[in-house]
Amino acid sequence: MVTGLKREILLSYRLIFGQHRQSRKWFQDEYKHKRMNISDGLLVQLCTSTCKELNASLPGIIWPESCRDFSRGGAGGLRELDAYDLEIDFPMLGLRLRTLVDYSLRQNPRRLRDMFRDFRNPIQWYTVWLVITFGFIAVVLGVIQIAISGAQLAVALEQLQQGG
């Protein structure tokens, strides 16, 4: 029988490493290139499989009841959520997960490339891209305007020399 703490640990690994496609890809790459020394097949399965694959291969009893989908009957399979309630879904590990989330949110991108990949705050991400786009357009229009002004000045000077 799986205890509550073990269920929370399994769900936390799933949440951190396997719930999203990019996380699964990162974990697979790290595992494939032997940058992680993991001999636990269940952990690898949790962190690399989709929810559908997990529900087909693992019994639903291993997940906390608050994260089970009972619509198919039986013990219910994993139901992944976009947001979890720390008090309900992680009563024992909730404070530690909150600490991880807070730490993650406090981290700022250090390189320009990291700034373009930082999707934690979509409004900020779109704002940066809009500023860059409109800034680039403004610079291009400014260069075009200077070129046209220079051409007009050259034509005016040529006409002045011919007429004078």
Protein backbone atom coordinates (compact mmCIF):
# COMPACT_ATOMS: atom_id res chain seq x y z
CA MET A 1 0.00 0.00 0.00
CA VAL A 2 1.30 3.45 -0.92
CA THR A 3 1.30 5.97 1.92
CA GLY A 4 0.32 9.62 1.63
CA LEU A 5 3.91 10.87 1.73
CA LYS A 6 4.98 8.47 -0.99
CA ARG A 7 2.04 9.59 -3.12
CA GLU A 8 3.02 13.21 -2.67
CA ILE A 9 6.63 12.42 -3.60
CA LEU A 10 5.52 10.63 -6.78
CA LEU A 11 3.19 13.48 -7.70
CA SER A 12 5.86 16.10 -6.99
CA TYR A 13 8.36 14.35 -9.27
CA ARG A 14 5.64 14.16 -11.90
CA LEU A 15 4.77 17.82 -11.45
CA ILE A 16 8.36 19.07 -11.59
CA PHE A 17 9.86 16.82 -14.26
CA GLY A 18 7.10 15.15 -16.25
CA GLN A 19 3.92 17.16 -16.49
CA HIS A 20 4.97 19.38 -19.39
CA ARG A 21 6.49 18.35 -22.69
CA GLN A 22 9.57 20.57 -22.31
CA SER A 23 10.27 19.12 -18.85
CA ARG A 24 9.97 15.55 -20.14
CA LYS A 25 12.27 16.38 -23.06
CA TRP A 26 14.86 17.94 -20.73
CA PHE A 27 14.73 14.93 -18.40
CA GLN A 28 15.05 12.50 -21.32
CA ASP A 29 18.05 14.38 -22.70
CA GLU A 30 19.77 14.46 -19.32
CA TYR A 31 19.03 10.79 -18.69
CA LYS A 32 20.03 9.72 -22.19
CA HIS A 33 23.38 11.52 -22.00
CA LYS A 34 24.12 9.95 -18.58
CA ARG A 35 24.20 13.28 -16.75
CA MET A 36 21.93 11.69 -14.15
CA ASN A 37 22.67 8.44 -12.38
CA ILE A 38 19.17 7.01 -11.97
CA SER A 39 18.53 3.31 -11.59
CA ASP A 40 14.86 3.60 -10.59
CA GLY A 41 12.66 2.66 -13.54
CA LEU A 42 9.54 4.13 -11.92
CA LEU A 43 11.19 7.53 -11.57
CA VAL A 44 12.26 7.49 -15.20
CA GLN A 45 8.75 6.46 -16.23
CA LEU A 46 7.19 9.25 -14.12
CA CYS A 47 9.44 11.87 -15.63
CA THR A 48 9.38 10.80 -19.29
CA SER A 49 5.87 9.46 -19.99
CA THR A 50 2.75 11.34 -20.93
CA CYS A 51 -0.25 11.24 -18.61
CA LYS A 52 -2.04 8.84 -20.95
CA GLU A 53 0.94 6.47 -20.95
CA LEU A 54 1.14 6.59 -17.15
CA ASN A 55 -2.54 5.85 -16.74
CA ALA A 56 -2.19 2.85 -19.03
CA SER A 57 0.82 1.40 -17.21
CA LEU A 58 0.46 2.38 -13.52
CA PRO A 59 -2.36 1.70 -11.06
CA GLY A 60 -4.37 4.75 -10.08
CA ILE A 61 -3.97 3.99 -6.36
CA ILE A 62 -0.45 5.44 -6.38
CA TRP A 63 -1.76 8.99 -6.88
CA PRO A 64 -3.30 11.19 -4.18
CA GLU A 65 -7.11 11.04 -4.29
CA SER A 66 -7.37 14.76 -5.07
CA CYS A 67 -5.43 14.16 -8.33
CA ARG A 68 -7.28 11.08 -9.54
CA ASP A 69 -9.79 10.95 -12.35
CA PHE A 70 -12.61 8.71 -11.18
CA SER A 71 -14.74 9.22 -14.29
CA ARG A 72 -13.53 5.89 -15.73
CA GLY A 73 -14.32 4.02 -12.54
CA GLY A 74 -11.98 1.89 -10.48
CA ALA A 75 -9.10 3.49 -8.58
CA GLY A 76 -8.93 6.32 -11.09
CA GLY A 77 -5.94 7.43 -13.08
CA LEU A 78 -3.78 10.53 -12.79
CA ARG A 79 -5.53 13.78 -13.58
CA GLU A 80 -2.96 16.49 -14.22
CA LEU A 81 -3.98 19.99 -13.26
CA ASP A 82 -2.72 23.40 -14.34
CA ALA A 83 -2.76 24.54 -10.72
CA TYR A 84 -2.55 22.48 -7.55
CA ASP A 85 -3.78 23.35 -4.07
CA LEU A 86 -0.81 22.91 -1.75
CA GLU A 87 -2.98 22.20 1.29
CA ILE A 88 -5.11 19.56 -0.43
CA ASP A 89 -2.77 17.98 -2.98
CA PHE A 90 0.49 18.29 -1.00
CA PRO A 91 -0.35 18.48 2.72
CA MET A 92 3.12 17.28 3.77
CA LEU A 93 5.35 18.68 1.02
CA GLY A 94 3.39 21.85 0.28
CA LEU A 95 5.68 24.26 2.14
CA ARG A 96 8.76 22.83 0.43
CA LEU A 97 7.13 23.10 -2.98
CA ARG A 98 6.09 26.67 -2.17
CA THR A 99 9.74 27.42 -1.33
CA LEU A 100 10.81 26.02 -4.72
CA VAL A 101 8.16 28.06 -6.54
CA ASP A 102 9.13 31.26 -4.71
CA TYR A 103 12.82 30.68 -5.46
CA SER A 104 12.06 30.00 -9.11
CA LEU A 105 9.97 33.16 -9.44
CA ARG A 106 12.73 35.29 -7.91
CA GLN A 107 15.26 34.20 -10.53
CA ASN A 108 15.82 36.68 -13.32
CA PRO A 109 17.27 35.88 -16.73
CA ARG A 110 20.99 36.62 -16.90
CA ARG A 111 21.56 36.43 -20.64
CA LEU A 112 19.63 37.91 -23.53
CA ARG A 113 18.81 34.43 -24.83
CA ASP A 114 17.37 33.47 -21.45
CA MET A 115 15.16 36.55 -21.48
CA PHE A 116 13.51 35.41 -24.72
CA ARG A 117 12.83 31.95 -23.26
CA ASP A 118 11.43 33.13 -19.93
CA PHE A 119 7.67 32.48 -20.15
CA ARG A 120 6.91 32.78 -16.41
CA ASN A 121 5.32 36.18 -16.92
CA PRO A 122 3.58 36.24 -20.34
CA ILE A 123 2.68 39.93 -20.13
CA GLN A 124 6.31 40.88 -19.54
CA TRP A 125 7.42 38.53 -22.34
CA TYR A 126 5.02 40.06 -24.86
CA THR A 127 5.94 43.57 -23.70
CA VAL A 128 9.62 42.92 -24.33
CA TRP A 129 8.88 41.55 -27.80
CA LEU A 130 6.60 44.51 -28.64
CA VAL A 131 9.22 47.01 -27.49
CA ILE A 132 11.89 45.25 -29.53
CA THR A 133 9.63 45.04 -32.60
CA PHE A 134 8.48 48.66 -32.49
CA GLY A 135 11.98 49.83 -31.60
CA PHE A 136 13.41 48.00 -34.62
CA ILE A 137 10.70 49.43 -36.88
CA ALA A 138 11.38 52.94 -35.52
CA VAL A 139 15.12 52.61 -36.15
CA VAL A 140 14.55 51.32 -39.70
CA LEU A 141 12.10 54.15 -40.45
CA GLY A 142 14.57 56.65 -38.96
CA VAL A 143 17.37 55.37 -41.21
CA ILE A 144 15.05 55.54 -44.24
CA GLN A 145 14.04 59.08 -43.28
CA ILE A 146 17.68 60.15 -42.98
CA ALA A 147 18.47 58.57 -46.36
CA ILE A 148 15.54 60.38 -48.02
CA SER A 149 16.50 63.67 -46.35
CA GLY A 150 20.07 63.22 -47.56
CA ALA A 151 18.84 62.53 -51.09
CA GLN A 152 16.58 65.61 -50.99
CA LEU A 153 19.48 67.72 -49.74
CA ALA A 154 21.72 66.41 -52.54
CA VAL A 155 19.04 67.21 -55.16
CA ALA A 156 18.47 70.68 -53.66
CA LEU A 157 22.23 71.44 -53.65
CA GLU A 158 22.54 70.22 -57.25
CA GLN A 159 19.63 72.43 -58.35
CA LEU A 160 21.12 75.37 -56.44
CA GLN A 161 24.45 74.93 -58.19
CA GLN A 162 22.81 74.60 -61.62
CA GLY A 163 20.50 77.56 -61.13
CA GLY A 164 22.99 79.88 -59.55
